[in-house]
Amino acid sequence: MIVHGVKKRDFKSKPLEVLSFGGGVQSFAMLLMIKEGILTKPDIIIHSDTGSEMPHTKKIISAGKDLAFEMNVPFLIVKSHRGSLHDDYKRTKSVPVIGIRSCTLNFKILPQRRAIREIVGNSRGEILAYCWLGITTDESKREIKSELKWIDNKFPLLELEYSRNMCIELNLKYDFNVQKSGCFCCPYVGKKGFVKLFNDHPDLFKICVEMEELYHTRGNRKNGLVSGLKNINSLSIPSLVSFGAEILTEEESSCDSGGCFL
């Protein structure tokens, strides 16, 4: 029996190996490391599509899918039953807030867990799957164990002592200029990120305006991330505040593909 391209086996004796692919610098580098034989092939590569990814991330996801096909590794794209992330926030008249990772849980982690369960089945207190996460040496503090008993995390880049810069160099070796992954409405991109979104993707910035306006209707709020910007034709030094919390600068932001822990 084959589920999501993976042949059924005794996963208690040989757990499923899953590469969690976010479309960022580190996760794409792991694909190239498989191509070069630095890493062994996983059983499957899984990407959680939030429906709110940046255009450059979508291109890398497509490239990753092609690379997986070339290496004969199943590449599965999963989605939340709630639809796209930004539409879900609009429906509930809420916005993402720094420090609250509910969007990561609902739109990245849970869809992957459901797919993995469909492959490995159920068991009590036994590891059935390992999830590879793209954490590098410069962010080792993000290394955590899974809170679940049936799935655990692996950190191949830490084991091989790879830094983010080493991953960037590997990607560039194959002519892939991979940028940070993330949703266009993520507050972790910082002030510069939203200014860039305004300039480069006004259609996506408009969605952020709509999200915030709906949020304002819940409590007659006046201040927000994009307040006062929607009618500005040119942008130099705008005054931005976050969705309910202090916005981070681009340098302070740590949002990337390795932040979704199963």
Protein backbone atom coordinates (compact mmCIF):
# COMPACT_ATOMS: atom_id res chain seq x y z
CA MET A 1 0.00 0.00 0.00
CA ILE A 2 1.29 3.44 -0.94
CA VAL A 3 0.16 6.64 0.79
CA HIS A 4 1.32 10.05 -0.49
CA GLY A 5 4.00 8.31 -2.54
CA VAL A 6 5.41 6.40 0.45
CA LYS A 7 5.18 2.64 0.66
CA LYS A 8 3.74 1.33 3.91
CA ARG A 9 6.16 -0.44 6.28
CA ASP A 10 6.69 -1.09 9.96
CA PHE A 11 7.30 2.52 11.03
CA LYS A 12 7.94 1.43 14.62
CA SER A 13 11.15 -0.30 13.58
CA LYS A 14 12.03 2.22 10.85
CA PRO A 15 10.35 5.62 11.41
CA LEU A 16 9.30 7.80 8.50
CA GLU A 17 11.89 10.43 7.53
CA VAL A 18 10.22 13.74 6.59
CA LEU A 19 11.92 16.87 5.33
CA SER A 20 9.78 19.87 6.32
CA PHE A 21 10.19 22.26 3.40
CA GLY A 22 9.31 25.90 3.95
CA GLY A 23 10.85 27.33 0.80
CA GLY A 24 13.51 29.30 2.65
CA VAL A 25 17.30 29.37 2.65
CA GLN A 26 17.93 26.41 4.95
CA SER A 27 15.27 24.00 3.73
CA PHE A 28 16.25 24.53 0.09
CA ALA A 29 19.90 23.98 1.00
CA MET A 30 18.91 20.63 2.52
CA LEU A 31 17.47 19.58 -0.85
CA LEU A 32 20.77 20.44 -2.52
CA MET A 33 22.65 18.54 0.18
CA ILE A 34 20.56 15.49 -0.70
CA LYS A 35 21.40 16.05 -4.36
CA GLU A 36 25.12 16.17 -3.51
CA GLY A 37 24.91 13.10 -1.28
CA ILE A 38 25.71 15.02 1.89
CA LEU A 39 22.34 13.99 3.30
CA THR A 40 20.55 10.72 2.63
CA LYS A 41 17.17 10.83 0.92
CA PRO A 42 14.16 11.27 3.20
CA ASP A 43 11.01 9.24 2.58
CA ILE A 44 9.05 12.35 1.70
CA ILE A 45 9.29 16.14 1.49
CA ILE A 46 6.28 18.05 2.79
CA HIS A 47 5.45 21.72 2.26
CA SER A 48 2.57 23.45 4.06
CA ASP A 49 1.00 25.99 1.72
CA THR A 50 -0.56 28.79 3.79
CA GLY A 51 -2.09 30.37 0.71
CA SER A 52 -0.38 33.62 1.74
CA GLU A 53 3.20 32.98 0.63
CA MET A 54 5.34 35.68 -0.96
CA PRO A 55 5.81 35.40 -4.76
CA HIS A 56 9.52 34.67 -4.41
CA THR A 57 8.73 31.82 -2.01
CA LYS A 58 6.27 30.31 -4.49
CA LYS A 59 9.03 30.20 -7.11
CA ILE A 60 11.37 28.38 -4.73
CA ILE A 61 8.63 25.91 -3.79
CA SER A 62 8.19 25.15 -7.48
CA ALA A 63 11.96 24.72 -7.89
CA GLY A 64 12.04 22.46 -4.83
CA LYS A 65 9.27 20.31 -6.25
CA ASP A 66 11.19 19.94 -9.51
CA LEU A 67 14.36 19.02 -7.64
CA ALA A 68 12.51 16.43 -5.56
CA PHE A 69 11.10 14.89 -8.75
CA GLU A 70 14.62 14.76 -10.19
CA MET A 71 15.81 12.90 -7.08
CA ASN A 72 12.76 10.61 -7.06
CA VAL A 73 11.58 11.77 -3.63
CA PRO A 74 7.82 12.33 -3.09
CA PHE A 75 6.97 16.03 -2.67
CA LEU A 76 3.66 16.67 -0.94
CA ILE A 77 1.93 20.05 -0.61
CA VAL A 78 -0.62 20.23 2.20
CA LYS A 79 -3.09 22.96 3.14
CA SER A 80 -5.27 23.89 6.08
CA HIS A 81 -8.97 23.07 5.86
CA ARG A 82 -9.53 26.72 6.84
CA GLY A 83 -8.37 28.02 3.45
CA SER A 84 -5.71 30.68 3.06
CA LEU A 85 -4.18 32.28 6.13
CA HIS A 86 -5.05 35.86 5.21
CA ASP A 87 -8.66 34.98 4.31
CA ASP A 88 -9.02 33.22 7.65
CA TYR A 89 -7.85 36.33 9.49
CA LYS A 90 -10.26 38.46 7.47
CA ARG A 91 -13.11 36.10 8.26
CA THR A 92 -12.42 36.29 12.00
CA LYS A 93 -11.59 40.02 11.87
CA SER A 94 -8.25 39.41 13.54
CA VAL A 95 -4.58 39.88 12.65
CA PRO A 96 -1.30 38.03 13.32
CA VAL A 97 0.55 39.22 16.41
CA ILE A 98 4.24 38.93 17.26
CA GLY A 99 4.78 36.26 19.88
CA ILE A 100 1.61 34.31 19.08
CA ARG A 101 2.27 31.40 16.74
CA SER A 102 -1.29 30.22 16.13
CA CYS A 103 -0.89 30.76 12.38
CA THR A 104 2.17 28.50 12.37
CA LEU A 105 0.28 25.82 14.26
CA ASN A 106 -2.94 25.95 12.24
CA PHE A 107 -1.57 26.53 8.75
CA LYS A 108 1.82 24.75 8.83
CA ILE A 109 2.19 22.27 11.65
CA LEU A 110 -1.26 20.67 11.83
CA PRO A 111 -1.62 20.08 8.05
CA GLN A 112 1.77 18.34 8.06
CA ARG A 113 0.90 16.24 11.08
CA ARG A 114 -2.32 15.09 9.45
CA ALA A 115 -0.46 13.99 6.32
CA ILE A 116 2.20 12.18 8.34
CA ARG A 117 -0.48 10.39 10.36
CA GLU A 118 -2.09 9.23 7.13
CA ILE A 119 1.20 7.60 6.21
CA VAL A 120 2.38 6.11 9.52
CA GLY A 121 -0.93 5.33 11.22
CA ASN A 122 -1.41 5.38 14.99
CA SER A 123 0.68 4.16 17.89
CA ARG A 124 0.93 4.82 21.60
CA GLY A 125 4.16 6.29 22.89
CA GLU A 126 6.38 5.08 20.04
CA ILE A 127 8.28 7.19 17.52
CA LEU A 128 6.81 6.69 14.06
CA ALA A 129 8.33 9.65 12.24
CA TYR A 130 11.25 12.07 12.30
CA CYS A 131 10.83 15.58 10.94
CA TRP A 132 13.90 17.33 9.51
CA LEU A 133 13.98 21.04 10.35
CA GLY A 134 16.31 23.61 8.82
CA ILE A 135 17.99 25.12 11.87
CA THR A 136 21.56 26.37 11.43
CA THR A 137 24.35 27.00 13.93
CA ASP A 138 23.63 30.73 14.16
CA GLU A 139 20.11 30.02 15.43
CA SER A 140 20.68 26.88 17.48
CA LYS A 141 18.54 28.29 20.31
CA ARG A 142 15.52 27.36 18.16
CA GLU A 143 16.36 23.67 18.49
CA ILE A 144 13.56 22.03 20.47
CA LYS A 145 12.14 18.57 20.86
CA SER A 146 8.65 17.73 19.73
CA GLU A 147 6.01 17.67 22.44
CA LEU A 148 4.48 14.59 20.79
CA LYS A 149 5.42 11.00 21.56
CA TRP A 150 4.92 9.64 18.04
CA ILE A 151 7.02 12.17 16.15
CA ASP A 152 10.38 13.80 16.90
CA ASN A 153 12.52 16.49 15.31
CA LYS A 154 15.89 16.16 13.62
CA PHE A 155 18.31 18.97 12.83
CA PRO A 156 20.61 17.84 9.99
CA LEU A 157 22.20 21.25 9.52
CA LEU A 158 23.16 21.48 13.18
CA GLU A 159 24.58 17.97 13.09
CA LEU A 160 26.76 18.96 10.13
CA GLU A 161 27.59 22.35 11.70
CA TYR A 162 26.16 24.36 8.82
CA SER A 163 25.60 28.08 9.24
CA ARG A 164 23.05 30.14 7.35
CA ASN A 165 25.84 31.65 5.25
CA MET A 166 27.02 28.17 4.28
CA CYS A 167 23.48 27.40 3.12
CA ILE A 168 23.37 30.61 1.11
CA GLU A 169 26.68 29.70 -0.55
CA LEU A 170 25.39 26.25 -1.45
CA ASN A 171 22.21 27.70 -2.95
CA LEU A 172 24.19 30.23 -4.99
CA LYS A 173 26.45 27.44 -6.23
CA TYR A 174 23.39 26.19 -8.11
CA ASP A 175 22.28 29.73 -9.05
CA PHE A 176 19.44 29.89 -6.55
CA ASN A 177 19.21 33.24 -4.76
CA VAL A 178 16.84 32.05 -2.05
CA GLN A 179 15.19 34.71 0.10
CA LYS A 180 13.54 34.38 3.48
CA SER A 181 10.28 32.49 3.31
CA GLY A 182 7.15 33.68 5.02
CA CYS A 183 3.66 35.05 4.52
CA PHE A 184 3.21 38.52 3.09
CA CYS A 185 1.12 39.54 6.12
CA CYS A 186 3.59 38.29 8.74
CA PRO A 187 4.46 41.01 11.32
CA TYR A 188 7.88 39.42 11.82
CA VAL A 189 9.14 40.92 8.54
CA GLY A 190 9.57 44.26 10.29
CA LYS A 191 9.13 47.84 9.12
CA LYS A 192 11.37 47.47 6.10
CA GLY A 193 9.52 44.36 5.04
CA PHE A 194 6.18 46.13 4.87
CA VAL A 195 7.65 49.16 3.13
CA LYS A 196 9.11 46.78 0.55
CA LEU A 197 5.75 45.01 0.24
CA PHE A 198 4.08 48.39 -0.39
CA ASN A 199 6.55 49.20 -3.14
CA ASP A 200 6.96 45.79 -4.77
CA HIS A 201 3.56 44.15 -4.31
CA PRO A 202 0.85 46.79 -3.81
CA ASP A 203 -1.84 44.17 -4.37
CA LEU A 204 -0.63 42.17 -1.39
CA PHE A 205 -0.20 45.32 0.69
CA LYS A 206 -3.83 46.14 -0.09
CA ILE A 207 -4.86 42.82 1.45
CA CYS A 208 -2.99 43.79 4.63
CA VAL A 209 -4.95 47.06 4.66
CA GLU A 210 -8.21 45.11 4.33
CA MET A 211 -7.19 42.77 7.16
CA GLU A 212 -6.44 45.68 9.45
CA GLU A 213 -9.60 47.60 8.58
CA LEU A 214 -11.70 44.56 9.44
CA TYR A 215 -9.75 44.20 12.69
CA HIS A 216 -10.44 47.86 13.52
CA THR A 217 -14.19 47.31 13.23
CA ARG A 218 -14.08 45.00 16.26
CA GLY A 219 -13.03 47.71 18.70
CA ASN A 220 -12.99 51.03 16.86
CA ARG A 221 -9.20 50.89 16.80
CA LYS A 222 -7.37 53.69 15.02
CA ASN A 223 -3.73 52.62 15.01
CA GLY A 224 -2.27 49.70 13.14
CA LEU A 225 0.45 48.40 10.91
CA VAL A 226 -0.75 50.08 7.72
CA SER A 227 -2.80 52.97 9.11
CA GLY A 228 -2.30 56.12 7.10
CA LEU A 229 -0.39 54.40 4.31
CA LYS A 230 -3.11 53.25 1.95
CA ASN A 231 -3.51 56.67 0.31
CA ILE A 232 0.18 57.55 0.14
CA ASN A 233 1.61 57.54 -3.38
CA SER A 234 5.27 57.69 -2.40
CA LEU A 235 6.84 56.13 0.65
CA SER A 236 10.05 57.30 2.32
CA ILE A 237 10.01 57.09 6.11
CA PRO A 238 6.51 55.95 7.07
CA SER A 239 5.33 55.57 10.64
CA LEU A 240 4.47 51.93 11.16
CA VAL A 241 3.29 50.10 14.23
CA SER A 242 2.54 46.42 14.46
CA PHE A 243 -0.65 44.41 14.73
CA GLY A 244 -0.97 45.05 18.45
CA ALA A 245 2.73 44.76 19.35
CA GLU A 246 6.03 46.47 18.67
CA ILE A 247 7.12 45.75 15.12
CA LEU A 248 10.58 44.30 14.60
CA THR A 249 13.16 45.69 12.22
CA GLU A 250 14.33 43.59 9.28
CA GLU A 251 17.57 42.84 11.11
CA GLU A 252 15.74 41.72 14.26
CA SER A 253 13.32 39.44 12.45
CA SER A 254 14.06 35.72 12.67
CA CYS A 255 11.08 34.47 10.65
CA ASP A 256 12.23 31.77 8.22
CA SER A 257 11.40 28.29 7.05
CA GLY A 258 12.99 26.67 10.08
CA GLY A 259 10.54 28.09 12.58
CA CYS A 260 7.72 25.59 12.25
CA PHE A 261 8.25 22.91 14.85
CA LEU A 262 6.33 19.66 14.71
